[in-house]
PDB file of N, CA and C in Angstrom:
ATOM      1  N   MET A   1     104.189  79.219-106.376  1.00  0.00           N
ATOM      2  CA  MET A   1     104.246  77.949-105.794  1.00  0.00           C
ATOM      3  C   MET A   1     102.488  77.133-105.607  1.00  0.00           C
ATOM      4  N   LYS A   2     102.399  76.302-106.363  1.00  0.00           N
ATOM      5  CA  LYS A   2     101.092  75.363-106.651  1.00  0.00           C
ATOM      6  C   LYS A   2     100.199  75.416-105.351  1.00  0.00           C
ATOM      7  N   LEU A   3      99.209  74.798-106.284  1.00  0.00           N
ATOM      8  CA  LEU A   3      98.497  73.973-104.666  1.00  0.00           C
ATOM      9  C   LEU A   3      98.256  73.398-104.202  1.00  0.00           C
ATOM     10  N   SER A   4      98.557  72.089-105.114  1.00  0.00           N
ATOM     11  CA  SER A   4      99.454  71.210-104.293  1.00  0.00           C
ATOM     12  C   SER A   4     100.902  70.891-103.265  1.00  0.00           C
ATOM     13  N   GLU A   5     101.284  71.902-103.197  1.00  0.00           N
ATOM     14  CA  GLU A   5     102.543  72.083-102.967  1.00  0.00           C
ATOM     15  C   GLU A   5     101.599  72.696-101.406  1.00  0.00           C
ATOM     16  N   ILE A   6     100.570  73.421-100.951  1.00  0.00           N
ATOM     17  CA  ILE A   6     100.268  74.550-100.252  1.00  0.00           C
ATOM     18  C   ILE A   6     100.312  73.509 -99.635  1.00  0.00           C
ATOM     19  N   LYS A   7      98.890  72.041-100.722  1.00  0.00           N
ATOM     20  CA  LYS A   7      98.103  70.795 -99.914  1.00  0.00           C
ATOM     21  C   LYS A   7      99.108  70.212 -99.254  1.00  0.00           C
ATOM     22  N   GLU A   8     100.037  69.805 -99.164  1.00  0.00           N
ATOM     23  CA  GLU A   8     101.015  69.095 -98.250  1.00  0.00           C
ATOM     24  C   GLU A   8     101.989  69.699 -97.432  1.00  0.00           C
ATOM     25  N   ILE A   9     102.178  71.331 -97.969  1.00  0.00           N
ATOM     26  CA  ILE A   9     103.458  72.105 -96.424  1.00  0.00           C
ATOM     27  C   ILE A   9     101.373  72.342 -95.401  1.00  0.00           C
ATOM     28  N   LEU A  10     100.554  72.091 -96.034  1.00  0.00           N
ATOM     29  CA  LEU A  10     100.105  72.521 -94.993  1.00  0.00           C
ATOM     30  C   LEU A  10      99.268  70.911 -94.513  1.00  0.00           C
ATOM     31  N   LYS A  11      99.290  70.374 -94.829  1.00  0.00           N
ATOM     32  CA  LYS A  11      98.687  68.601 -95.033  1.00  0.00           C
ATOM     33  C   LYS A  11      97.431  69.242 -94.719  1.00  0.00           C
ATOM     34  N   ALA A  12      96.916  69.498 -95.642  1.00  0.00           N
ATOM     35  CA  ALA A  12      95.596  70.110 -95.796  1.00  0.00           C
ATOM     36  C   ALA A  12      94.116  69.655 -96.740  1.00  0.00           C
ATOM     37  N   GLU A  13      93.087  69.464 -96.282  1.00  0.00           N
ATOM     38  CA  GLU A  13      92.272  68.602 -97.284  1.00  0.00           C
ATOM     39  C   GLU A  13      91.240  69.537 -97.798  1.00  0.00           C
ATOM     40  N   VAL A  14      91.530  68.735 -99.177  1.00  0.00           N
ATOM     41  CA  VAL A  14      90.738  69.204-100.287  1.00  0.00           C
ATOM     42  C   VAL A  14      88.837  69.565-100.451  1.00  0.00           C
ATOM     43  N   LEU A  15      88.745  70.728-100.042  1.00  0.00           N
ATOM     44  CA  LEU A  15      87.697  70.261 -99.850  1.00  0.00           C
ATOM     45  C   LEU A  15      86.405  70.806-101.373  1.00  0.00           C
ATOM     46  N   ALA A  16      86.739  71.429-102.252  1.00  0.00           N
ATOM     47  CA  ALA A  16      86.477  71.655-103.468  1.00  0.00           C
ATOM     48  C   ALA A  16      87.998  71.738-103.904  1.00  0.00           C
ATOM     49  N   GLY A  17      87.425  71.720-105.914  1.00  0.00           N
ATOM     50  CA  GLY A  17      88.499  72.273-106.683  1.00  0.00           C
ATOM     51  C   GLY A  17      89.880  71.076-106.641  1.00  0.00           C
ATOM     52  N   GLU A  18      89.837  69.745-106.555  1.00  0.00           N
ATOM     53  CA  GLU A  18      90.414  68.302-106.595  1.00  0.00           C
ATOM     54  C   GLU A  18      91.499  68.674-107.978  1.00  0.00           C
ATOM     55  N   SER A  19      90.732  69.253-109.383  1.00  0.00           N
ATOM     56  CA  SER A  19      91.002  68.890-110.822  1.00  0.00           C
ATOM     57  C   SER A  19      91.751  69.616-110.848  1.00  0.00           C
ATOM     58  N   GLN A  20      92.255  71.429-109.743  1.00  0.00           N
ATOM     59  CA  GLN A  20      92.640  72.615-109.920  1.00  0.00           C
ATOM     60  C   GLN A  20      94.251  72.422-109.286  1.00  0.00           C
ATOM     61  N   LEU A  21      95.036  71.361-108.494  1.00  0.00           N
ATOM     62  CA  LEU A  21      95.428  71.872-107.543  1.00  0.00           C
ATOM     63  C   LEU A  21      97.154  71.981-108.348  1.00  0.00           C
ATOM     64  N   ASP A  22      96.790  71.823-109.935  1.00  0.00           N
ATOM     65  CA  ASP A  22      98.433  72.993-110.684  1.00  0.00           C
ATOM     66  C   ASP A  22      98.123  74.021-110.753  1.00  0.00           C
ATOM     67  N   LYS A  23      97.149  74.826-110.319  1.00  0.00           N
ATOM     68  CA  LYS A  23      97.247  75.973-110.346  1.00  0.00           C
ATOM     69  C   LYS A  23      97.857  76.284-109.510  1.00  0.00           C
ATOM     70  N   THR A  24      98.866  78.020-109.787  1.00  0.00           N
ATOM     71  CA  THR A  24     100.352  78.529-108.876  1.00  0.00           C
ATOM     72  C   THR A  24      99.623  79.490-108.253  1.00  0.00           C
ATOM     73  N   VAL A  25      99.999  79.987-107.254  1.00  0.00           N
ATOM     74  CA  VAL A  25      99.637  80.956-107.055  1.00  0.00           C
ATOM     75  C   VAL A  25     101.198  82.014-106.634  1.00  0.00           C
ATOM     76  N   MET A  26     101.094  83.114-106.305  1.00  0.00           N
ATOM     77  CA  MET A  26     102.532  83.919-106.035  1.00  0.00           C
ATOM     78  C   MET A  26     102.812  84.409-104.693  1.00  0.00           C
ATOM     79  N   ALA A  27     100.800  84.446-104.146  1.00  0.00           N
ATOM     80  CA  ALA A  27     100.854  85.102-102.653  1.00  0.00           C
ATOM     81  C   ALA A  27     100.526  84.913-101.468  1.00  0.00           C
ATOM     82  N   ALA A  28     100.217  85.252-100.852  1.00  0.00           N
ATOM     83  CA  ALA A  28      99.323  84.776 -99.892  1.00  0.00           C
ATOM     84  C   ALA A  28      99.161  85.397 -98.480  1.00  0.00           C
ATOM     85  N   GLY A  29      97.995  85.559 -98.080  1.00  0.00           N
ATOM     86  CA  GLY A  29      97.841  86.475 -96.668  1.00  0.00           C
ATOM     87  C   GLY A  29      96.668  85.883 -95.845  1.00  0.00           C
ATOM     88  N   GLY A  30      96.324  86.577 -94.683  1.00  0.00           N
ATOM     89  CA  GLY A  30      95.934  85.606 -93.792  1.00  0.00           C
ATOM     90  C   GLY A  30      94.788  86.818 -93.260  1.00  0.00           C
ATOM     91  N   ALA A  31      93.282  86.576 -92.989  1.00  0.00           N
ATOM     92  CA  ALA A  31      92.635  87.490 -92.470  1.00  0.00           C
ATOM     93  C   ALA A  31      91.418  87.008 -91.938  1.00  0.00           C
ATOM     94  N   ASP A  32      90.509  87.583 -91.317  1.00  0.00           N
ATOM     95  CA  ASP A  32      89.662  86.602 -90.911  1.00  0.00           C
ATOM     96  C   ASP A  32      87.866  88.029 -91.048  1.00  0.00           C
ATOM     97  N   LEU A  33      88.634  89.558 -91.257  1.00  0.00           N
ATOM     98  CA  LEU A  33      88.252  91.026 -91.458  1.00  0.00           C
ATOM     99  C   LEU A  33      88.434  90.912 -92.865  1.00  0.00           C
ATOM    100  N   MET A  34      87.553  91.141 -93.877  1.00  0.00           N
ATOM    101  CA  MET A  34      87.510  90.394 -95.153  1.00  0.00           C
ATOM    102  C   MET A  34      87.749  91.959 -95.762  1.00  0.00           C
ATOM    103  N   GLU A  35      87.640  93.160 -95.494  1.00  0.00           N
ATOM    104  CA  GLU A  35      87.593  94.022 -96.161  1.00  0.00           C
ATOM    105  C   GLU A  35      88.890  94.778 -96.327  1.00  0.00           C
ATOM    106  N   ASP A  36      89.906  94.403 -95.102  1.00  0.00           N
ATOM    107  CA  ASP A  36      91.475  93.731 -95.004  1.00  0.00           C
ATOM    108  C   ASP A  36      91.479  93.041 -96.449  1.00  0.00           C
ATOM    109  N   VAL A  37      91.445  91.906 -96.277  1.00  0.00           N
ATOM    110  CA  VAL A  37      91.424  91.774 -97.882  1.00  0.00           C
ATOM    111  C   VAL A  37      91.581  92.134 -98.930  1.00  0.00           C
ATOM    112  N   LEU A  38      90.224  92.784 -98.883  1.00  0.00           N
ATOM    113  CA  LEU A  38      89.851  93.424-100.336  1.00  0.00           C
ATOM    114  C   LEU A  38      90.793  94.731-100.556  1.00  0.00           C
ATOM    115  N   ALA A  39      91.214  95.614 -99.279  1.00  0.00           N
ATOM    116  CA  ALA A  39      92.277  96.795 -99.277  1.00  0.00           C
ATOM    117  C   ALA A  39      93.464  95.731 -99.496  1.00  0.00           C
ATOM    118  N   ALA A  40      94.092  94.807 -99.605  1.00  0.00           N
ATOM    119  CA  ALA A  40      95.512  94.376-100.648  1.00  0.00           C
ATOM    120  C   ALA A  40      95.676  93.131-100.670  1.00  0.00           C
ATOM    121  N   VAL A  41      94.659  93.079-101.283  1.00  0.00           N
ATOM    122  CA  VAL A  41      94.941  91.622-102.319  1.00  0.00           C
ATOM    123  C   VAL A  41      95.703  91.580-103.789  1.00  0.00           C
ATOM    124  N   ALA A  42      96.303  90.558-103.871  1.00  0.00           N
ATOM    125  CA  ALA A  42      96.761  90.778-105.517  1.00  0.00           C
ATOM    126  C   ALA A  42      95.649  89.308-105.989  1.00  0.00           C
ATOM    127  N   GLN A  43      95.882  89.160-107.003  1.00  0.00           N
ATOM    128  CA  GLN A  43      94.695  88.418-107.894  1.00  0.00           C
ATOM    129  C   GLN A  43      95.387  87.523-107.902  1.00  0.00           C
ATOM    130  N   GLY A  44      95.365  86.148-107.722  1.00  0.00           N
ATOM    131  CA  GLY A  44      95.099  84.493-108.174  1.00  0.00           C
ATOM    132  C   GLY A  44      96.331  84.554-106.352  1.00  0.00           C
ATOM    133  N   SER A  45      96.140  85.090-105.733  1.00  0.00           N
ATOM    134  CA  SER A  45      96.433  85.477-104.055  1.00  0.00           C
ATOM    135  C   SER A  45      96.055  83.461-103.193  1.00  0.00           C
ATOM    136  N   VAL A  46      96.036  83.200-102.035  1.00  0.00           N
ATOM    137  CA  VAL A  46      95.939  82.899-101.582  1.00  0.00           C
ATOM    138  C   VAL A  46      95.587  82.863-100.075  1.00  0.00           C
ATOM    139  N   LEU A  47      94.010  82.828 -99.640  1.00  0.00           N
ATOM    140  CA  LEU A  47      93.556  83.669 -98.807  1.00  0.00           C
ATOM    141  C   LEU A  47      93.322  82.633 -97.600  1.00  0.00           C
ATOM    142  N   LEU A  48      94.128  82.729 -96.610  1.00  0.00           N
ATOM    143  CA  LEU A  48      94.033  81.859 -94.943  1.00  0.00           C
ATOM    144  C   LEU A  48      92.830  82.228 -94.088  1.00  0.00           C
ATOM    145  N   THR A  49      92.165  82.062 -94.232  1.00  0.00           N
ATOM    146  CA  THR A  49      91.225  82.542 -93.178  1.00  0.00           C
ATOM    147  C   THR A  49      90.069  81.630 -92.590  1.00  0.00           C
ATOM    148  N   GLY A  50      90.240  81.659 -90.684  1.00  0.00           N
ATOM    149  CA  GLY A  50      88.825  81.033 -90.194  1.00  0.00           C
ATOM    150  C   GLY A  50      88.104  81.203 -89.965  1.00  0.00           C
ATOM    151  N   LEU A  51      87.274  82.258 -90.739  1.00  0.00           N
ATOM    152  CA  LEU A  51      85.770  82.422 -90.832  1.00  0.00           C
ATOM    153  C   LEU A  51      85.122  81.590 -91.931  1.00  0.00           C
ATOM    154  N   THR A  52      84.117  80.574 -91.596  1.00  0.00           N
ATOM    155  CA  THR A  52      83.991  79.545 -92.838  1.00  0.00           C
ATOM    156  C   THR A  52      82.236  79.994 -93.363  1.00  0.00           C
ATOM    157  N   THR A  53      81.780  81.470 -93.183  1.00  0.00           N
ATOM    158  CA  THR A  53      81.043  81.659 -93.370  1.00  0.00           C
ATOM    159  C   THR A  53      81.098  82.066 -95.250  1.00  0.00           C
ATOM    160  N   GLU A  54      79.820  82.370 -95.939  1.00  0.00           N
ATOM    161  CA  GLU A  54      80.311  82.840 -97.395  1.00  0.00           C
ATOM    162  C   GLU A  54      81.087  83.770 -97.911  1.00  0.00           C
ATOM    163  N   GLN A  55      80.746  84.674 -96.676  1.00  0.00           N
ATOM    164  CA  GLN A  55      81.894  86.102 -96.777  1.00  0.00           C
ATOM    165  C   GLN A  55      83.049  85.794 -97.299  1.00  0.00           C
ATOM    166  N   PRO A  56      84.155  84.988 -96.828  1.00  0.00           N
ATOM    167  CA  PRO A  56      84.873  85.055 -97.947  1.00  0.00           C
ATOM    168  C   PRO A  56      85.311  84.172 -98.810  1.00  0.00           C
ATOM    169  N   LEU A  57      84.203  83.634 -99.297  1.00  0.00           N
ATOM    170  CA  LEU A  57      83.962  83.470-101.019  1.00  0.00           C
ATOM    171  C   LEU A  57      83.174  84.162-101.869  1.00  0.00           C
ATOM    172  N   GLN A  58      82.647  85.424-101.185  1.00  0.00           N
ATOM    173  CA  GLN A  58      81.970  86.556-101.919  1.00  0.00           C
ATOM    174  C   GLN A  58      83.487  87.472-102.379  1.00  0.00           C
ATOM    175  N   THR A  59      83.980  87.248-101.380  1.00  0.00           N
ATOM    176  CA  THR A  59      85.192  88.629-100.839  1.00  0.00           C
ATOM    177  C   THR A  59      86.395  87.483-101.779  1.00  0.00           C
ATOM    178  N   ALA A  60      86.201  86.892-102.204  1.00  0.00           N
ATOM    179  CA  ALA A  60      87.562  85.962-102.724  1.00  0.00           C
ATOM    180  C   ALA A  60      86.882  86.538-104.547  1.00  0.00           C
ATOM    181  N   ARG A  61      85.590  86.041-104.495  1.00  0.00           N
ATOM    182  CA  ARG A  61      84.821  86.093-106.361  1.00  0.00           C
ATOM    183  C   ARG A  61      85.347  87.555-106.757  1.00  0.00           C
ATOM    184  N   ILE A  62      85.237  88.675-105.381  1.00  0.00           N
ATOM    185  CA  ILE A  62      85.810  89.852-105.880  1.00  0.00           C
ATOM    186  C   ILE A  62      86.968  90.748-106.329  1.00  0.00           C
ATOM    187  N   ALA A  63      87.597  89.865-104.958  1.00  0.00           N
ATOM    188  CA  ALA A  63      88.820  90.067-105.450  1.00  0.00           C
ATOM    189  C   ALA A  63      89.594  89.357-106.456  1.00  0.00           C
ATOM    190  N   GLY A  64      88.972  88.462-107.006  1.00  0.00           N
ATOM    191  CA  GLY A  64      90.159  87.700-107.621  1.00  0.00           C
ATOM    192  C   GLY A  64      91.022  86.534-106.917  1.00  0.00           C
ATOM    193  N   VAL A  65      91.479  86.229-105.860  1.00  0.00           N
ATOM    194  CA  VAL A  65      91.626  85.192-104.700  1.00  0.00           C
ATOM    195  C   VAL A  65      91.637  84.018-105.566  1.00  0.00           C
ATOM    196  N   GLY A  66      92.723  83.481-105.914  1.00  0.00           N
ATOM    197  CA  GLY A  66      92.818  81.706-106.240  1.00  0.00           C
ATOM    198  C   GLY A  66      92.273  80.860-105.638  1.00  0.00           C
ATOM    199  N   ALA A  67      92.575  80.786-104.120  1.00  0.00           N
ATOM    200  CA  ALA A  67      92.074  79.931-103.541  1.00  0.00           C
ATOM    201  C   ALA A  67      91.798  80.344-102.053  1.00  0.00           C
ATOM    202  N   ILE A  68      91.532  79.457-101.336  1.00  0.00           N
ATOM    203  CA  ILE A  68      90.897  79.757-100.002  1.00  0.00           C
ATOM    204  C   ILE A  68      91.363  78.254 -99.307  1.00  0.00           C
ATOM    205  N   VAL A  69      92.093  79.030 -97.923  1.00  0.00           N
ATOM    206  CA  VAL A  69      92.686  77.315 -96.872  1.00  0.00           C
ATOM    207  C   VAL A  69      91.671  78.205 -95.045  1.00  0.00           C
ATOM    208  N   PHE A  70      91.429  77.575 -95.287  1.00  0.00           N
ATOM    209  CA  PHE A  70      90.424  77.637 -93.718  1.00  0.00           C
ATOM    210  C   PHE A  70      91.380  76.487 -92.663  1.00  0.00           C
ATOM    211  N   VAL A  71      91.443  78.004 -91.542  1.00  0.00           N
ATOM    212  CA  VAL A  71      92.819  77.131 -90.492  1.00  0.00           C
ATOM    213  C   VAL A  71      92.468  76.770 -89.339  1.00  0.00           C
ATOM    214  N   ARG A  72      93.052  76.191 -88.441  1.00  0.00           N
ATOM    215  CA  ARG A  72      92.393  75.058 -87.161  1.00  0.00           C
ATOM    216  C   ARG A  72      91.076  74.488 -87.812  1.00  0.00           C
ATOM    217  N   GLY A  73      91.559  73.464 -88.686  1.00  0.00           N
ATOM    218  CA  GLY A  73      90.046  72.550 -89.327  1.00  0.00           C
ATOM    219  C   GLY A  73      89.091  73.050 -88.720  1.00  0.00           C
ATOM    220  N   LYS A  74      88.300  73.833 -89.638  1.00  0.00           N
ATOM    221  CA  LYS A  74      87.200  74.636 -89.592  1.00  0.00           C
ATOM    222  C   LYS A  74      86.675  74.536 -90.740  1.00  0.00           C
ATOM    223  N   ARG A  75      86.172  74.030 -91.791  1.00  0.00           N
ATOM    224  CA  ARG A  75      85.092  73.802 -92.686  1.00  0.00           C
ATOM    225  C   ARG A  75      83.984  74.758 -92.445  1.00  0.00           C
ATOM    226  N   PRO A  76      83.826  75.506 -94.154  1.00  0.00           N
ATOM    227  CA  PRO A  76      82.715  75.430 -94.703  1.00  0.00           C
ATOM    228  C   PRO A  76      81.142  74.534 -94.500  1.00  0.00           C
ATOM    229  N   ASP A  77      80.160  75.104 -94.171  1.00  0.00           N
ATOM    230  CA  ASP A  77      78.749  74.027 -94.920  1.00  0.00           C
ATOM    231  C   ASP A  77      78.673  73.253 -96.169  1.00  0.00           C
ATOM    232  N   ASP A  78      77.640  72.421 -96.090  1.00  0.00           N
ATOM    233  CA  ASP A  78      77.886  72.041 -97.225  1.00  0.00           C
ATOM    234  C   ASP A  78      77.297  72.986 -99.054  1.00  0.00           C
ATOM    235  N   ARG A  79      76.401  74.649 -98.456  1.00  0.00           N
ATOM    236  CA  ARG A  79      75.870  74.956 -99.158  1.00  0.00           C
ATOM    237  C   ARG A  79      77.452  76.058 -99.461  1.00  0.00           C
ATOM    238  N   THR A  80      78.538  76.109 -98.515  1.00  0.00           N
ATOM    239  CA  THR A  80      79.390  77.571 -99.011  1.00  0.00           C
ATOM    240  C   THR A  80      80.010  76.417-100.093  1.00  0.00           C
ATOM    241  N   VAL A  81      80.539  74.912 -99.227  1.00  0.00           N
ATOM    242  CA  VAL A  81      81.226  74.324-100.333  1.00  0.00           C
ATOM    243  C   VAL A  81      80.838  74.241-102.147  1.00  0.00           C
ATOM    244  N   ALA A  82      79.490  73.739-102.007  1.00  0.00           N
ATOM    245  CA  ALA A  82      79.274  73.362-103.858  1.00  0.00           C
ATOM    246  C   ALA A  82      79.101  74.908-104.346  1.00  0.00           C
ATOM    247  N   ARG A  83      78.995  75.925-103.546  1.00  0.00           N
ATOM    248  CA  ARG A  83      78.871  77.467-104.221  1.00  0.00           C
ATOM    249  C   ARG A  83      80.238  77.662-104.531  1.00  0.00           C
ATOM    250  N   ALA A  84      81.546  76.946-103.866  1.00  0.00           N
ATOM    251  CA  ALA A  84      82.796  76.746-104.803  1.00  0.00           C
ATOM    252  C   ALA A  84      82.893  76.371-105.431  1.00  0.00           C
ATOM    253  N   LYS A  85      82.240  74.823-105.549  1.00  0.00           N
ATOM    254  CA  LYS A  85      82.776  73.946-106.934  1.00  0.00           C
ATOM    255  C   LYS A  85      81.649  74.987-107.969  1.00  0.00           C
ATOM    256  N   ASP A  86      80.981  75.678-107.500  1.00  0.00           N
ATOM    257  CA  ASP A  86      80.114  76.559-109.215  1.00  0.00           C
ATOM    258  C   ASP A  86      81.120  77.252-109.633  1.00  0.00           C
ATOM    259  N   TRP A  87      81.595  77.764-108.313  1.00  0.00           N
ATOM    260  CA  TRP A  87      82.552  78.558-109.218  1.00  0.00           C
ATOM    261  C   TRP A  87      83.945  79.010-108.842  1.00  0.00           C
ATOM    262  N   LYS A  88      84.144  77.535-109.008  1.00  0.00           N
ATOM    263  CA  LYS A  88      85.426  77.434-109.794  1.00  0.00           C
ATOM    264  C   LYS A  88      86.715  77.581-108.720  1.00  0.00           C
ATOM    265  N   LEU A  89      86.595  77.646-106.945  1.00  0.00           N
ATOM    266  CA  LEU A  89      86.918  78.533-105.970  1.00  0.00           C
ATOM    267  C   LEU A  89      87.469  77.257-105.681  1.00  0.00           C
ATOM    268  N   PRO A  90      88.779  77.027-105.715  1.00  0.00           N
ATOM    269  CA  PRO A  90      89.475  75.838-104.527  1.00  0.00           C
ATOM    270  C   PRO A  90      89.316  76.576-102.860  1.00  0.00           C
ATOM    271  N   LEU A  91      88.832  74.851-102.442  1.00  0.00           N
ATOM    272  CA  LEU A  91      88.946  75.419-100.633  1.00  0.00           C
ATOM    273  C   LEU A  91      89.887  74.308-100.125  1.00  0.00           C
ATOM    274  N   LEU A  92      90.322  74.214 -99.312  1.00  0.00           N
ATOM    275  CA  LEU A  92      91.334  73.528 -98.347  1.00  0.00           C
ATOM    276  C   LEU A  92      90.809  74.414 -97.179  1.00  0.00           C
ATOM    277  N   SER A  93      91.541  72.711 -96.550  1.00  0.00           N
ATOM    278  CA  SER A  93      90.873  72.822 -94.008  1.00  0.00           C
ATOM    279  C   SER A  93      92.080  72.159 -94.231  1.00  0.00           C
ATOM    280  N   THR A  94      92.881  72.867 -93.018  1.00  0.00           N
ATOM    281  CA  THR A  94      94.378  72.501 -92.509  1.00  0.00           C
ATOM    282  C   THR A  94      93.920  72.802 -90.714  1.00  0.00           C
ATOM    283  N   ARG A  95      94.181  71.709 -90.431  1.00  0.00           N
ATOM    284  CA  ARG A  95      94.215  71.318 -88.367  1.00  0.00           C
ATOM    285  C   ARG A  95      95.498  72.586 -87.864  1.00  0.00           C
ATOM    286  N   TYR A  96      96.284  73.628 -89.273  1.00  0.00           N
ATOM    287  CA  TYR A  96      97.556  74.466 -88.142  1.00  0.00           C
ATOM    288  C   TYR A  96      96.527  75.605 -88.267  1.00  0.00           C
ATOM    289  N   SER A  97      96.741  76.357 -87.225  1.00  0.00           N
ATOM    290  CA  SER A  97      96.238  77.742 -86.914  1.00  0.00           C
ATOM    291  C   SER A  97      96.662  78.792 -88.096  1.00  0.00           C
ATOM    292  N   LEU A  98      95.728  79.905 -87.732  1.00  0.00           N
ATOM    293  CA  LEU A  98      96.642  80.619 -88.986  1.00  0.00           C
ATOM    294  C   LEU A  98      97.761  81.325 -89.001  1.00  0.00           C
ATOM    295  N   PHE A  99      98.534  81.416 -87.368  1.00  0.00           N
ATOM    296  CA  PHE A  99      99.842  81.909 -88.051  1.00  0.00           C
ATOM    297  C   PHE A  99     100.857  80.630 -88.440  1.00  0.00           C
ATOM    298  N   VAL A 100     100.755  79.326 -87.988  1.00  0.00           N
ATOM    299  CA  VAL A 100     101.626  78.399 -87.803  1.00  0.00           C
ATOM    300  C   VAL A 100     101.789  77.984 -89.704  1.00  0.00           C
ATOM    301  N   ALA A 101      99.743  78.416 -89.995  1.00  0.00           N
ATOM    302  CA  ALA A 101      99.675  77.671 -91.328  1.00  0.00           C
ATOM    303  C   ALA A 101     100.400  79.308 -92.526  1.00  0.00           C
ATOM    304  N   SER A 102     100.739  80.084 -91.709  1.00  0.00           N
ATOM    305  CA  SER A 102     101.433  81.290 -92.929  1.00  0.00           C
ATOM    306  C   SER A 102     102.881  81.430 -92.438  1.00  0.00           C
ATOM    307  N   GLY A 103     103.615  80.251 -91.473  1.00  0.00           N
ATOM    308  CA  GLY A 103     104.606  80.768 -91.353  1.00  0.00           C
ATOM    309  C   GLY A 103     105.281  79.260 -92.118  1.00  0.00           C
ATOM    310  N   ARG A 104     105.027  78.604 -92.525  1.00  0.00           N
ATOM    311  CA  ARG A 104     104.789  77.345 -93.093  1.00  0.00           C
ATOM    312  C   ARG A 104     104.604  77.674 -94.367  1.00  0.00           C
ATOM    313  N   LEU A 105     104.127  78.333 -94.672  1.00  0.00           N
ATOM    314  CA  LEU A 105     103.751  78.922 -96.239  1.00  0.00           C
ATOM    315  C   LEU A 105     105.279  79.443 -96.541  1.00  0.00           C
ATOM    316  N   TYR A 106     105.256  80.613 -95.909  1.00  0.00           N
ATOM    317  CA  TYR A 106     106.342  81.893 -95.770  1.00  0.00           C
ATOM    318  C   TYR A 106     107.898  80.980 -96.161  1.00  0.00           C
ATOM    319  N   ILE A 107     108.188  80.013 -94.876  1.00  0.00           N
ATOM    320  CA  ILE A 107     109.472  79.544 -94.859  1.00  0.00           C
ATOM    321  C   ILE A 107     109.562  78.359 -96.303  1.00  0.00           C
ATOM    322  N   ASN A 108     109.050  78.267 -97.113  1.00  0.00           N
ATOM    323  CA  ASN A 108     108.927  77.317 -97.520  1.00  0.00           C
ATOM    324  C   ASN A 108     108.819  78.088 -99.557  1.00  0.00           C
ATOM    325  N   GLY A 109     108.820  79.358 -99.427  1.00  0.00           N
ATOM    326  CA  GLY A 109     109.374  79.697-100.498  1.00  0.00           C
ATOM    327  C   GLY A 109     107.322  81.248-101.298  1.00  0.00           C
ATOM    328  N   LEU A 110     106.573  81.093-100.064  1.00  0.00           N
ATOM    329  CA  LEU A 110     105.702  81.914-100.660  1.00  0.00           C
ATOM    330  C   LEU A 110     105.424  83.184 -99.674  1.00  0.00           C
ATOM    331  N   ARG A 111     105.515  83.717-100.545  1.00  0.00           N
ATOM    332  CA  ARG A 111     105.593  85.166 -99.585  1.00  0.00           C
ATOM    333  C   ARG A 111     104.158  86.143 -99.389  1.00  0.00           C
ATOM    334  N   GLY A 112     104.035  87.069 -98.851  1.00  0.00           N
ATOM    335  CA  GLY A 112     102.823  87.496 -98.663  1.00  0.00           C
ATOM    336  C   GLY A 112     102.935  89.136 -99.537  1.00  0.00           C
ATOM    337  N   LEU A 113     102.466  89.960 -99.831  1.00  0.00           N
ATOM    338  CA  LEU A 113     102.016  90.885-100.890  1.00  0.00           C
ATOM    339  C   LEU A 113     103.020  91.690 -99.825  1.00  0.00           C
ATOM    340  N   ASP A 114     102.477  92.981 -99.292  1.00  0.00           N
ATOM    341  CA  ASP A 114     103.512  93.565 -98.890  1.00  0.00           C
ATOM    342  C   ASP A 114     103.376  94.205 -97.271  1.00  0.00           C
ATOM    343  N   GLY A 115     103.112  92.897 -97.256  1.00  0.00           N
ATOM    344  CA  GLY A 115     102.801  93.479 -95.197  1.00  0.00           C
ATOM    345  C   GLY A 115     101.961  93.643 -94.478  1.00  0.00           C
ATOM    346  N   SER A 116     101.142  94.356 -95.348  1.00  0.00           N
ATOM    347  CA  SER A 116     100.075  94.923 -95.319  1.00  0.00           C
ATOM    348  C   SER A 116      98.957  94.052 -94.732  1.00  0.00           C
ATOM    349  N   TRP A 117      98.712  92.769 -94.939  1.00  0.00           N
ATOM    350  CA  TRP A 117      98.516  91.618 -94.838  1.00  0.00           C
ATOM    351  C   TRP A 117      98.205  90.692 -94.699  1.00  0.00           C
TER     352      TRP A 117
END
C-alpha cells in the first residue's frame, strides 16, 4: 500500500516526507513501547504510535521502519519533525485512535506482521 493511500484512509496530515507519498509499505504495526517494535518489525513497514518523542524516530531508523503515523491527533515538536526530514522519514498524524487507525488500514488490505506487533 502506498503512503498516499494511508494518508487518505486515515485522513492524515503529512508532517514530513510529502515527496515520499509514492513509497510502498507492506505491513503495519502499532505500539507505544519501542522495544516491541524492535522485537517484531518488518523492514519498510509503517509504525502507528501515540509516542511523540524522538524515541520512535530513533527506533524507526534502527529497525528500518518506512514511515510513522502519530495517532489521536498527536504531533511531535518541531525539532523531531526536522530530524525526520533530515533522515527522509515520512511522518503523518491522524485524529483516529491507534485501534481505529489500525482497523481502517486492515480493512483496506494492509496487514500486520505476524500478530505479535
